[in-house]
């Protein structure tokens, strides 16, 4: 995370994006991810 974050464009959202990338790498083609996010919700739901 520390090395990859240095090259991130969306630095504040970097943790969310990396976790989603990790999950997508695992389930890619074999399942689906529904995502809920919006301003002021205080979290992202998967």
ModelCIF file with pLDDT and N, C-alpha, C, O atoms, coordinates in Angstrom:
data_MODEL
#
_entry.id   MODEL 
#
_entity.id                         1 
_entity.type                       polymer 
_entity.pdbx_number_of_molecules   1 
#
_entity_poly.entity_id                      1 
_entity_poly.type                           'polypeptide(L)' 
_entity_poly.nstd_linkage                   no 
_entity_poly.nstd_monomer                   no 
_entity_poly.pdbx_seq_one_letter_code       
;(UNK)(UNK)(UNK)(UNK)(UNK)(UNK)(UNK)(UNK)(UNK)(UNK)(UNK)(UNK)(UNK)(UNK)(UNK)(UNK)
(UNK)(UNK)(UNK)(UNK)(UNK)(UNK)(UNK)(UNK)(UNK)(UNK)(UNK)(UNK)(UNK)(UNK)(UNK)(UNK)
(UNK)(UNK)(UNK)(UNK)(UNK)(UNK)(UNK)(UNK)(UNK)(UNK)(UNK)(UNK)(UNK)(UNK)
;
_entity_poly.pdbx_seq_one_letter_code_can   XXXXXXXXXXXXXXXXXXXXXXXXXXXXXXXXXXXXXXXXXXXXXX 
_entity_poly.pdbx_strand_id                 A 
#
loop_
_entity_poly_seq.entity_id 
_entity_poly_seq.num 
_entity_poly_seq.mon_id 
_entity_poly_seq.hetero 
1 1  UNK n 
1 2  UNK n 
1 3  UNK n 
1 4  UNK n 
1 5  UNK n 
1 6  UNK n 
1 7  UNK n 
1 8  UNK n 
1 9  UNK n 
1 10 UNK n 
1 11 UNK n 
1 12 UNK n 
1 13 UNK n 
1 14 UNK n 
1 15 UNK n 
1 16 UNK n 
1 17 UNK n 
1 18 UNK n 
1 19 UNK n 
1 20 UNK n 
1 21 UNK n 
1 22 UNK n 
1 23 UNK n 
1 24 UNK n 
1 25 UNK n 
1 26 UNK n 
1 27 UNK n 
1 28 UNK n 
1 29 UNK n 
1 30 UNK n 
1 31 UNK n 
1 32 UNK n 
1 33 UNK n 
1 34 UNK n 
1 35 UNK n 
1 36 UNK n 
1 37 UNK n 
1 38 UNK n 
1 39 UNK n 
1 40 UNK n 
1 41 UNK n 
1 42 UNK n 
1 43 UNK n 
1 44 UNK n 
1 45 UNK n 
1 46 UNK n 
#
_struct_asym.id          A 
_struct_asym.entity_id   1 
#
loop_
_ma_qa_metric.id 
_ma_qa_metric.mode 
_ma_qa_metric.name 
_ma_qa_metric.software_group_id 
_ma_qa_metric.type 
1 global pLDDT . pLDDT 
2 local  pLDDT . pLDDT 
#
_ma_qa_metric_global.metric_id      1 
_ma_qa_metric_global.metric_value   90.59 
_ma_qa_metric_global.model_id       1 
_ma_qa_metric_global.ordinal_id     1 
#
loop_
_ma_qa_metric_local.label_asym_id 
_ma_qa_metric_local.label_comp_id 
_ma_qa_metric_local.label_seq_id 
_ma_qa_metric_local.metric_id 
_ma_qa_metric_local.metric_value 
_ma_qa_metric_local.model_id 
_ma_qa_metric_local.ordinal_id 
A UNK 1  2 94.00 1 1  
A UNK 2  2 92.00 1 2  
A UNK 3  2 93.00 1 3  
A UNK 4  2 95.00 1 4  
A UNK 5  2 94.00 1 5  
A UNK 6  2 92.00 1 6  
A UNK 7  2 92.00 1 7  
A UNK 8  2 94.00 1 8  
A UNK 9  2 93.00 1 9  
A UNK 10 2 96.00 1 10 
A UNK 11 2 94.00 1 11 
A UNK 12 2 94.00 1 12 
A UNK 13 2 96.00 1 13 
A UNK 14 2 96.00 1 14 
A UNK 15 2 96.00 1 15 
A UNK 16 2 96.00 1 16 
A UNK 17 2 97.00 1 17 
A UNK 18 2 96.00 1 18 
A UNK 19 2 96.00 1 19 
A UNK 20 2 95.00 1 20 
A UNK 21 2 95.00 1 21 
A UNK 22 2 94.00 1 22 
A UNK 23 2 93.00 1 23 
A UNK 24 2 91.00 1 24 
A UNK 25 2 89.00 1 25 
A UNK 26 2 86.00 1 26 
A UNK 27 2 85.00 1 27 
A UNK 28 2 78.00 1 28 
A UNK 29 2 67.00 1 29 
A UNK 30 2 79.00 1 30 
A UNK 31 2 83.00 1 31 
A UNK 32 2 87.00 1 32 
A UNK 33 2 90.00 1 33 
A UNK 34 2 91.00 1 34 
A UNK 35 2 92.00 1 35 
A UNK 36 2 91.00 1 36 
A UNK 37 2 91.00 1 37 
A UNK 38 2 85.00 1 38 
A UNK 39 2 83.00 1 39 
A UNK 40 2 84.00 1 40 
A UNK 41 2 86.00 1 41 
A UNK 42 2 85.00 1 42 
A UNK 43 2 90.00 1 43 
A UNK 44 2 92.00 1 44 
A UNK 45 2 94.00 1 45 
A UNK 46 2 95.00 1 46 
#
loop_
_atom_site.group_PDB 
_atom_site.id 
_atom_site.type_symbol 
_atom_site.label_atom_id 
_atom_site.label_alt_id 
_atom_site.label_comp_id 
_atom_site.label_asym_id 
_atom_site.label_entity_id 
_atom_site.label_seq_id 
_atom_site.pdbx_PDB_ins_code 
_atom_site.Cartn_x 
_atom_site.Cartn_y 
_atom_site.Cartn_z 
_atom_site.occupancy 
_atom_site.B_iso_or_equiv 
_atom_site.pdbx_formal_charge 
_atom_site.auth_seq_id 
_atom_site.auth_comp_id 
_atom_site.auth_asym_id 
_atom_site.auth_atom_id 
_atom_site.pdbx_PDB_model_num 
ATOM 1   N N  . UNK A 1 1  ? 0.810   -1.228  0.000   1.00 94.00 ? 1  UNK A N  1 
ATOM 2   C CA . UNK A 1 1  ? 0.000   0.000   0.000   1.00 94.00 ? 1  UNK A CA 1 
ATOM 3   C C  . UNK A 1 1  ? 0.838   1.270   0.000   1.00 94.00 ? 1  UNK A C  1 
ATOM 4   O O  . UNK A 1 1  ? 0.511   2.213   -0.720  1.00 94.00 ? 1  UNK A O  1 
ATOM 5   N N  . UNK A 1 2  ? 1.903   1.323   0.781   1.00 92.00 ? 2  UNK A N  1 
ATOM 6   C CA . UNK A 1 2  ? 2.651   2.575   0.898   1.00 92.00 ? 2  UNK A CA 1 
ATOM 7   C C  . UNK A 1 2  ? 3.338   2.941   -0.417  1.00 92.00 ? 2  UNK A C  1 
ATOM 8   O O  . UNK A 1 2  ? 3.388   4.114   -0.788  1.00 92.00 ? 2  UNK A O  1 
ATOM 9   N N  . UNK A 1 3  ? 3.862   1.949   -1.113  1.00 93.00 ? 3  UNK A N  1 
ATOM 10  C CA . UNK A 1 3  ? 4.533   2.212   -2.388  1.00 93.00 ? 3  UNK A CA 1 
ATOM 11  C C  . UNK A 1 3  ? 3.521   2.562   -3.469  1.00 93.00 ? 3  UNK A C  1 
ATOM 12  O O  . UNK A 1 3  ? 3.717   3.506   -4.235  1.00 93.00 ? 3  UNK A O  1 
ATOM 13  N N  . UNK A 1 4  ? 2.435   1.792   -3.525  1.00 95.00 ? 4  UNK A N  1 
ATOM 14  C CA . UNK A 1 4  ? 1.439   2.028   -4.567  1.00 95.00 ? 4  UNK A CA 1 
ATOM 15  C C  . UNK A 1 4  ? 0.725   3.358   -4.373  1.00 95.00 ? 4  UNK A C  1 
ATOM 16  O O  . UNK A 1 4  ? 0.356   4.011   -5.349  1.00 95.00 ? 4  UNK A O  1 
ATOM 17  N N  . UNK A 1 5  ? 0.530   3.762   -3.137  1.00 94.00 ? 5  UNK A N  1 
ATOM 18  C CA . UNK A 1 5  ? -0.186  5.014   -2.881  1.00 94.00 ? 5  UNK A CA 1 
ATOM 19  C C  . UNK A 1 5  ? 0.572   6.214   -3.434  1.00 94.00 ? 5  UNK A C  1 
ATOM 20  O O  . UNK A 1 5  ? -0.042  7.202   -3.837  1.00 94.00 ? 5  UNK A O  1 
ATOM 21  N N  . UNK A 1 6  ? 1.895   6.138   -3.457  1.00 92.00 ? 6  UNK A N  1 
ATOM 22  C CA . UNK A 1 6  ? 2.694   7.252   -3.965  1.00 92.00 ? 6  UNK A CA 1 
ATOM 23  C C  . UNK A 1 6  ? 2.382   7.564   -5.430  1.00 92.00 ? 6  UNK A C  1 
ATOM 24  O O  . UNK A 1 6  ? 2.603   8.687   -5.884  1.00 92.00 ? 6  UNK A O  1 
ATOM 25  N N  . UNK A 1 7  ? 1.873   6.583   -6.165  1.00 92.00 ? 7  UNK A N  1 
ATOM 26  C CA . UNK A 1 7  ? 1.587   6.761   -7.587  1.00 92.00 ? 7  UNK A CA 1 
ATOM 27  C C  . UNK A 1 7  ? 0.096   6.922   -7.869  1.00 92.00 ? 7  UNK A C  1 
ATOM 28  O O  . UNK A 1 7  ? -0.321  6.948   -9.027  1.00 92.00 ? 7  UNK A O  1 
ATOM 29  N N  . UNK A 1 8  ? -0.703  7.028   -6.812  1.00 94.00 ? 8  UNK A N  1 
ATOM 30  C CA . UNK A 1 8  ? -2.160  7.091   -6.982  1.00 94.00 ? 8  UNK A CA 1 
ATOM 31  C C  . UNK A 1 8  ? -2.608  8.499   -7.351  1.00 94.00 ? 8  UNK A C  1 
ATOM 32  O O  . UNK A 1 8  ? -2.045  9.481   -6.866  1.00 94.00 ? 8  UNK A O  1 
ATOM 33  N N  . UNK A 1 9  ? -3.619  8.597   -8.207  1.00 93.00 ? 9  UNK A N  1 
ATOM 34  C CA . UNK A 1 9  ? -4.246  9.872   -8.546  1.00 93.00 ? 9  UNK A CA 1 
ATOM 35  C C  . UNK A 1 9  ? -5.351  10.210  -7.547  1.00 93.00 ? 9  UNK A C  1 
ATOM 36  O O  . UNK A 1 9  ? -5.483  11.358  -7.121  1.00 93.00 ? 9  UNK A O  1 
ATOM 37  N N  . UNK A 1 10 ? -6.133  9.216   -7.182  1.00 96.00 ? 10 UNK A N  1 
ATOM 38  C CA . UNK A 1 10 ? -7.217  9.395   -6.214  1.00 96.00 ? 10 UNK A CA 1 
ATOM 39  C C  . UNK A 1 10 ? -6.691  8.932   -4.854  1.00 96.00 ? 10 UNK A C  1 
ATOM 40  O O  . UNK A 1 10 ? -7.043  7.853   -4.379  1.00 96.00 ? 10 UNK A O  1 
ATOM 41  N N  . UNK A 1 11 ? -5.845  9.758   -4.234  1.00 94.00 ? 11 UNK A N  1 
ATOM 42  C CA . UNK A 1 11 ? -5.130  9.320   -3.035  1.00 94.00 ? 11 UNK A CA 1 
ATOM 43  C C  . UNK A 1 11 ? -6.054  9.069   -1.854  1.00 94.00 ? 11 UNK A C  1 
ATOM 44  O O  . UNK A 1 11 ? -5.850  8.112   -1.108  1.00 94.00 ? 11 UNK A O  1 
ATOM 45  N N  . UNK A 1 12 ? -7.065  9.908   -1.669  1.00 94.00 ? 12 UNK A N  1 
ATOM 46  C CA . UNK A 1 12 ? -7.959  9.721   -0.529  1.00 94.00 ? 12 UNK A CA 1 
ATOM 47  C C  . UNK A 1 12 ? -8.784  8.451   -0.666  1.00 94.00 ? 12 UNK A C  1 
ATOM 48  O O  . UNK A 1 12 ? -9.127  7.812   0.328   1.00 94.00 ? 12 UNK A O  1 
ATOM 49  N N  . UNK A 1 13 ? -9.099  8.090   -1.905  1.00 96.00 ? 13 UNK A N  1 
ATOM 50  C CA . UNK A 1 13 ? -9.900  6.887   -2.148  1.00 96.00 ? 13 UNK A CA 1 
ATOM 51  C C  . UNK A 1 13 ? -9.034  5.667   -2.411  1.00 96.00 ? 13 UNK A C  1 
ATOM 52  O O  . UNK A 1 13 ? -9.555  4.606   -2.754  1.00 96.00 ? 13 UNK A O  1 
ATOM 53  N N  . UNK A 1 14 ? -7.721  5.797   -2.257  1.00 96.00 ? 14 UNK A N  1 
ATOM 54  C CA . UNK A 1 14 ? -6.808  4.699   -2.578  1.00 96.00 ? 14 UNK A CA 1 
ATOM 55  C C  . UNK A 1 14 ? -7.149  3.407   -1.836  1.00 96.00 ? 14 UNK A C  1 
ATOM 56  O O  . UNK A 1 14 ? -7.153  2.350   -2.469  1.00 96.00 ? 14 UNK A O  1 
ATOM 57  N N  . UNK A 1 15 ? -7.439  3.429   -0.521  1.00 96.00 ? 15 UNK A N  1 
ATOM 58  C CA . UNK A 1 15 ? -7.766  2.163   0.162   1.00 96.00 ? 15 UNK A CA 1 
ATOM 59  C C  . UNK A 1 15 ? -8.983  1.467   -0.445  1.00 96.00 ? 15 UNK A C  1 
ATOM 60  O O  . UNK A 1 15 ? -8.974  0.252   -0.638  1.00 96.00 ? 15 UNK A O  1 
ATOM 61  N N  . UNK A 1 16 ? -10.021 2.231   -0.742  1.00 96.00 ? 16 UNK A N  1 
ATOM 62  C CA . UNK A 1 16 ? -11.232 1.658   -1.321  1.00 96.00 ? 16 UNK A CA 1 
ATOM 63  C C  . UNK A 1 16 ? -10.926 1.031   -2.672  1.00 96.00 ? 16 UNK A C  1 
ATOM 64  O O  . UNK A 1 16 ? -11.363 -0.082  -2.963  1.00 96.00 ? 16 UNK A O  1 
ATOM 65  N N  . UNK A 1 17 ? -10.169 1.757   -3.497  1.00 97.00 ? 17 UNK A N  1 
ATOM 66  C CA . UNK A 1 17 ? -9.884  1.286   -4.843  1.00 97.00 ? 17 UNK A CA 1 
ATOM 67  C C  . UNK A 1 17 ? -9.002  0.036   -4.829  1.00 97.00 ? 17 UNK A C  1 
ATOM 68  O O  . UNK A 1 17 ? -9.200  -0.872  -5.637  1.00 97.00 ? 17 UNK A O  1 
ATOM 69  N N  . UNK A 1 18 ? -8.027  -0.014  -3.910  1.00 96.00 ? 18 UNK A N  1 
ATOM 70  C CA . UNK A 1 18 ? -7.146  -1.177  -3.874  1.00 96.00 ? 18 UNK A CA 1 
ATOM 71  C C  . UNK A 1 18 ? -7.891  -2.415  -3.374  1.00 96.00 ? 18 UNK A C  1 
ATOM 72  O O  . UNK A 1 18 ? -7.677  -3.512  -3.890  1.00 96.00 ? 18 UNK A O  1 
ATOM 73  N N  . UNK A 1 19 ? -8.752  -2.253  -2.386  1.00 96.00 ? 19 UNK A N  1 
ATOM 74  C CA . UNK A 1 19 ? -9.532  -3.390  -1.918  1.00 96.00 ? 19 UNK A CA 1 
ATOM 75  C C  . UNK A 1 19 ? -10.463 -3.893  -3.017  1.00 96.00 ? 19 UNK A C  1 
ATOM 76  O O  . UNK A 1 19 ? -10.599 -5.101  -3.210  1.00 96.00 ? 19 UNK A O  1 
ATOM 77  N N  . UNK A 1 20 ? -11.100 -2.981  -3.732  1.00 95.00 ? 20 UNK A N  1 
ATOM 78  C CA . UNK A 1 20 ? -11.976 -3.406  -4.826  1.00 95.00 ? 20 UNK A CA 1 
ATOM 79  C C  . UNK A 1 20 ? -11.191 -4.108  -5.924  1.00 95.00 ? 20 UNK A C  1 
ATOM 80  O O  . UNK A 1 20 ? -11.666 -5.088  -6.498  1.00 95.00 ? 20 UNK A O  1 
ATOM 81  N N  . UNK A 1 21 ? -9.989  -3.610  -6.223  1.00 95.00 ? 21 UNK A N  1 
ATOM 82  C CA . UNK A 1 21 ? -9.151  -4.261  -7.235  1.00 95.00 ? 21 UNK A CA 1 
ATOM 83  C C  . UNK A 1 21 ? -8.776  -5.668  -6.788  1.00 95.00 ? 21 UNK A C  1 
ATOM 84  O O  . UNK A 1 21 ? -8.785  -6.598  -7.595  1.00 95.00 ? 21 UNK A O  1 
ATOM 85  N N  . UNK A 1 22 ? -8.447  -5.830  -5.517  1.00 94.00 ? 22 UNK A N  1 
ATOM 86  C CA . UNK A 1 22 ? -8.079  -7.137  -4.980  1.00 94.00 ? 22 UNK A CA 1 
ATOM 87  C C  . UNK A 1 22 ? -9.249  -8.117  -5.103  1.00 94.00 ? 22 UNK A C  1 
ATOM 88  O O  . UNK A 1 22 ? -9.071  -9.257  -5.530  1.00 94.00 ? 22 UNK A O  1 
ATOM 89  N N  . UNK A 1 23 ? -10.421 -7.668  -4.730  1.00 93.00 ? 23 UNK A N  1 
ATOM 90  C CA . UNK A 1 23 ? -11.600 -8.530  -4.801  1.00 93.00 ? 23 UNK A CA 1 
ATOM 91  C C  . UNK A 1 23 ? -11.957 -8.867  -6.248  1.00 93.00 ? 23 UNK A C  1 
ATOM 92  O O  . UNK A 1 23 ? -12.288 -10.009 -6.566  1.00 93.00 ? 23 UNK A O  1 
ATOM 93  N N  . UNK A 1 24 ? -11.885 -7.860  -7.119  1.00 91.00 ? 24 UNK A N  1 
ATOM 94  C CA . UNK A 1 24 ? -12.224 -8.082  -8.521  1.00 91.00 ? 24 UNK A CA 1 
ATOM 95  C C  . UNK A 1 24 ? -11.251 -9.071  -9.163  1.00 91.00 ? 24 UNK A C  1 
ATOM 96  O O  . UNK A 1 24 ? -11.636 -9.870  -10.016 1.00 91.00 ? 24 UNK A O  1 
ATOM 97  N N  . UNK A 1 25 ? -9.985  -9.005  -8.742  1.00 89.00 ? 25 UNK A N  1 
ATOM 98  C CA . UNK A 1 25 ? -8.989  -9.941  -9.276  1.00 89.00 ? 25 UNK A CA 1 
ATOM 99  C C  . UNK A 1 25 ? -9.350  -11.374 -8.932  1.00 89.00 ? 25 UNK A C  1 
ATOM 100 O O  . UNK A 1 25 ? -9.083  -12.290 -9.710  1.00 89.00 ? 25 UNK A O  1 
ATOM 101 N N  . UNK A 1 26 ? -9.951  -11.570 -7.775  1.00 86.00 ? 26 UNK A N  1 
ATOM 102 C CA . UNK A 1 26 ? -10.312 -12.909 -7.331  1.00 86.00 ? 26 UNK A CA 1 
ATOM 103 C C  . UNK A 1 26 ? -11.563 -13.422 -8.043  1.00 86.00 ? 26 UNK A C  1 
ATOM 104 O O  . UNK A 1 26 ? -11.575 -14.541 -8.554  1.00 86.00 ? 26 UNK A O  1 
ATOM 105 N N  . UNK A 1 27 ? -12.606 -12.606 -8.075  1.00 85.00 ? 27 UNK A N  1 
ATOM 106 C CA . UNK A 1 27 ? -13.905 -13.087 -8.564  1.00 85.00 ? 27 UNK A CA 1 
ATOM 107 C C  . UNK A 1 27 ? -14.127 -12.779 -10.036 1.00 85.00 ? 27 UNK A C  1 
ATOM 108 O O  . UNK A 1 27 ? -15.184 -13.109 -10.574 1.00 85.00 ? 27 UNK A O  1 
ATOM 109 N N  . UNK A 1 28 ? -13.168 -12.162 -10.697 1.00 78.00 ? 28 UNK A N  1 
ATOM 110 C CA . UNK A 1 28 ? -13.338 -11.680 -12.066 1.00 78.00 ? 28 UNK A CA 1 
ATOM 111 C C  . UNK A 1 28 ? -13.939 -12.762 -12.961 1.00 78.00 ? 28 UNK A C  1 
ATOM 112 O O  . UNK A 1 28 ? -13.353 -13.831 -13.136 1.00 78.00 ? 28 UNK A O  1 
ATOM 113 N N  . UNK A 1 29 ? -15.104 -12.478 -13.522 1.00 67.00 ? 29 UNK A N  1 
ATOM 114 C CA . UNK A 1 29 ? -15.760 -13.402 -14.438 1.00 67.00 ? 29 UNK A CA 1 
ATOM 115 C C  . UNK A 1 29 ? -16.602 -14.459 -13.760 1.00 67.00 ? 29 UNK A C  1 
ATOM 116 O O  . UNK A 1 29 ? -17.396 -15.131 -14.418 1.00 67.00 ? 29 UNK A O  1 
ATOM 117 N N  . UNK A 1 30 ? -16.442 -14.621 -12.435 1.00 79.00 ? 30 UNK A N  1 
ATOM 118 C CA . UNK A 1 30 ? -17.187 -15.675 -11.764 1.00 79.00 ? 30 UNK A CA 1 
ATOM 119 C C  . UNK A 1 30 ? -18.272 -15.179 -10.839 1.00 79.00 ? 30 UNK A C  1 
ATOM 120 O O  . UNK A 1 30 ? -18.992 -15.983 -10.248 1.00 79.00 ? 30 UNK A O  1 
ATOM 121 N N  . UNK A 1 31 ? -18.406 -13.876 -10.700 1.00 83.00 ? 31 UNK A N  1 
ATOM 122 C CA . UNK A 1 31 ? -19.416 -13.319 -9.814  1.00 83.00 ? 31 UNK A CA 1 
ATOM 123 C C  . UNK A 1 31 ? -19.624 -11.851 -10.112 1.00 83.00 ? 31 UNK A C  1 
ATOM 124 O O  . UNK A 1 31 ? -19.123 -11.333 -11.110 1.00 83.00 ? 31 UNK A O  1 
ATOM 125 N N  . UNK A 1 32 ? -20.360 -11.184 -9.251  1.00 87.00 ? 32 UNK A N  1 
ATOM 126 C CA . UNK A 1 32 ? -20.653 -9.775  -9.443  1.00 87.00 ? 32 UNK A CA 1 
ATOM 127 C C  . UNK A 1 32 ? -20.504 -9.027  -8.131  1.00 87.00 ? 32 UNK A C  1 
ATOM 128 O O  . UNK A 1 32 ? -20.693 -9.584  -7.050  1.00 87.00 ? 32 UNK A O  1 
ATOM 129 N N  . UNK A 1 33 ? -20.160 -7.752  -8.253  1.00 90.00 ? 33 UNK A N  1 
ATOM 130 C CA . UNK A 1 33 ? -20.059 -6.881  -7.077  1.00 90.00 ? 33 UNK A CA 1 
ATOM 131 C C  . UNK A 1 33 ? -21.030 -5.723  -7.253  1.00 90.00 ? 33 UNK A C  1 
ATOM 132 O O  . UNK A 1 33 ? -20.933 -4.966  -8.219  1.00 90.00 ? 33 UNK A O  1 
ATOM 133 N N  . UNK A 1 34 ? -21.955 -5.588  -6.330  1.00 91.00 ? 34 UNK A N  1 
ATOM 134 C CA . UNK A 1 34 ? -22.840 -4.419  -6.306  1.00 91.00 ? 34 UNK A CA 1 
ATOM 135 C C  . UNK A 1 34 ? -22.217 -3.394  -5.375  1.00 91.00 ? 34 UNK A C  1 
ATOM 136 O O  . UNK A 1 34 ? -21.805 -3.724  -4.263  1.00 91.00 ? 34 UNK A O  1 
ATOM 137 N N  . UNK A 1 35 ? -22.150 -2.137  -5.834  1.00 92.00 ? 35 UNK A N  1 
ATOM 138 C CA . UNK A 1 35 ? -21.467 -1.093  -5.067  1.00 92.00 ? 35 UNK A CA 1 
ATOM 139 C C  . UNK A 1 35 ? -22.431 0.048   -4.763  1.00 92.00 ? 35 UNK A C  1 
ATOM 140 O O  . UNK A 1 35 ? -23.198 0.477   -5.626  1.00 92.00 ? 35 UNK A O  1 
ATOM 141 N N  . UNK A 1 36 ? -22.382 0.521   -3.551  1.00 91.00 ? 36 UNK A N  1 
ATOM 142 C CA . UNK A 1 36 ? -23.187 1.674   -3.137  1.00 91.00 ? 36 UNK A CA 1 
ATOM 143 C C  . UNK A 1 36 ? -22.247 2.712   -2.533  1.00 91.00 ? 36 UNK A C  1 
ATOM 144 O O  . UNK A 1 36 ? -21.561 2.445   -1.546  1.00 91.00 ? 36 UNK A O  1 
ATOM 145 N N  . UNK A 1 37 ? -22.224 3.900   -3.136  1.00 91.00 ? 37 UNK A N  1 
ATOM 146 C CA . UNK A 1 37 ? -21.450 4.982   -2.544  1.00 91.00 ? 37 UNK A CA 1 
ATOM 147 C C  . UNK A 1 37 ? -22.010 6.313   -3.010  1.00 91.00 ? 37 UNK A C  1 
ATOM 148 O O  . UNK A 1 37 ? -22.520 6.434   -4.124  1.00 91.00 ? 37 UNK A O  1 
ATOM 149 N N  . UNK A 1 38 ? -21.907 7.306   -2.142  1.00 85.00 ? 38 UNK A N  1 
ATOM 150 C CA . UNK A 1 38 ? -22.422 8.642   -2.442  1.00 85.00 ? 38 UNK A CA 1 
ATOM 151 C C  . UNK A 1 38 ? -21.861 9.606   -1.412  1.00 85.00 ? 38 UNK A C  1 
ATOM 152 O O  . UNK A 1 38 ? -21.417 9.197   -0.339  1.00 85.00 ? 38 UNK A O  1 
ATOM 153 N N  . UNK A 1 39 ? -21.885 10.892  -1.746  1.00 83.00 ? 39 UNK A N  1 
ATOM 154 C CA . UNK A 1 39 ? -21.385 11.922  -0.837  1.00 83.00 ? 39 UNK A CA 1 
ATOM 155 C C  . UNK A 1 39 ? -22.185 11.902  0.466   1.00 83.00 ? 39 UNK A C  1 
ATOM 156 O O  . UNK A 1 39 ? -23.414 11.827  0.457   1.00 83.00 ? 39 UNK A O  1 
ATOM 157 N N  . UNK A 1 40 ? -21.464 11.970  1.583   1.00 84.00 ? 40 UNK A N  1 
ATOM 158 C CA . UNK A 1 40 ? -22.114 12.081  2.880   1.00 84.00 ? 40 UNK A CA 1 
ATOM 159 C C  . UNK A 1 40 ? -22.533 10.778  3.515   1.00 84.00 ? 40 UNK A C  1 
ATOM 160 O O  . UNK A 1 40 ? -23.061 10.793  4.628   1.00 84.00 ? 40 UNK A O  1 
ATOM 161 N N  . UNK A 1 41 ? -22.318 9.621   2.846   1.00 86.00 ? 41 UNK A N  1 
ATOM 162 C CA . UNK A 1 41 ? -22.735 8.336   3.430   1.00 86.00 ? 41 UNK A CA 1 
ATOM 163 C C  . UNK A 1 41 ? -21.742 7.844   4.483   1.00 86.00 ? 41 UNK A C  1 
ATOM 164 O O  . UNK A 1 41 ? -22.089 7.035   5.343   1.00 86.00 ? 41 UNK A O  1 
ATOM 165 N N  . UNK A 1 42 ? -20.516 8.335   4.408   1.00 85.00 ? 42 UNK A N  1 
ATOM 166 C CA . UNK A 1 42 ? -19.519 7.953   5.394   1.00 85.00 ? 42 UNK A CA 1 
ATOM 167 C C  . UNK A 1 42 ? -18.936 6.572   5.198   1.00 85.00 ? 42 UNK A C  1 
ATOM 168 O O  . UNK A 1 42 ? -18.201 6.094   6.062   1.00 85.00 ? 42 UNK A O  1 
ATOM 169 N N  . UNK A 1 43 ? -19.238 5.917   4.093   1.00 90.00 ? 43 UNK A N  1 
ATOM 170 C CA . UNK A 1 43 ? -18.694 4.580   3.847   1.00 90.00 ? 43 UNK A CA 1 
ATOM 171 C C  . UNK A 1 43 ? -19.002 4.188   2.406   1.00 90.00 ? 43 UNK A C  1 
ATOM 172 O O  . UNK A 1 43 ? -19.756 4.863   1.705   1.00 90.00 ? 43 UNK A O  1 
ATOM 173 N N  . UNK A 1 44 ? -18.394 3.071   1.982   1.00 92.00 ? 44 UNK A N  1 
ATOM 174 C CA . UNK A 1 44 ? -18.742 2.420   0.727   1.00 92.00 ? 44 UNK A CA 1 
ATOM 175 C C  . UNK A 1 44 ? -19.235 1.018   1.064   1.00 92.00 ? 44 UNK A C  1 
ATOM 176 O O  . UNK A 1 44 ? -18.623 0.320   1.872   1.00 92.00 ? 44 UNK A O  1 
ATOM 177 N N  . UNK A 1 45 ? -20.339 0.605   0.446   1.00 94.00 ? 45 UNK A N  1 
ATOM 178 C CA . UNK A 1 45 ? -20.892 -0.729  0.671   1.00 94.00 ? 45 UNK A CA 1 
ATOM 179 C C  . UNK A 1 45 ? -20.681 -1.586  -0.568  1.00 94.00 ? 45 UNK A C  1 
ATOM 180 O O  . UNK A 1 45 ? -20.937 -1.145  -1.689  1.00 94.00 ? 45 UNK A O  1 
ATOM 181 N N  . UNK A 1 46 ? -20.217 -2.803  -0.364  1.00 95.00 ? 46 UNK A N  1 
ATOM 182 C CA . UNK A 1 46 ? -20.049 -3.780  -1.441  1.00 95.00 ? 46 UNK A CA 1 
ATOM 183 C C  . UNK A 1 46 ? -20.861 -5.021  -1.110  1.00 95.00 ? 46 UNK A C  1 
ATOM 184 O O  . UNK A 1 46 ? -20.867 -5.979  -1.884  1.00 95.00 ? 46 UNK A O  1 
#
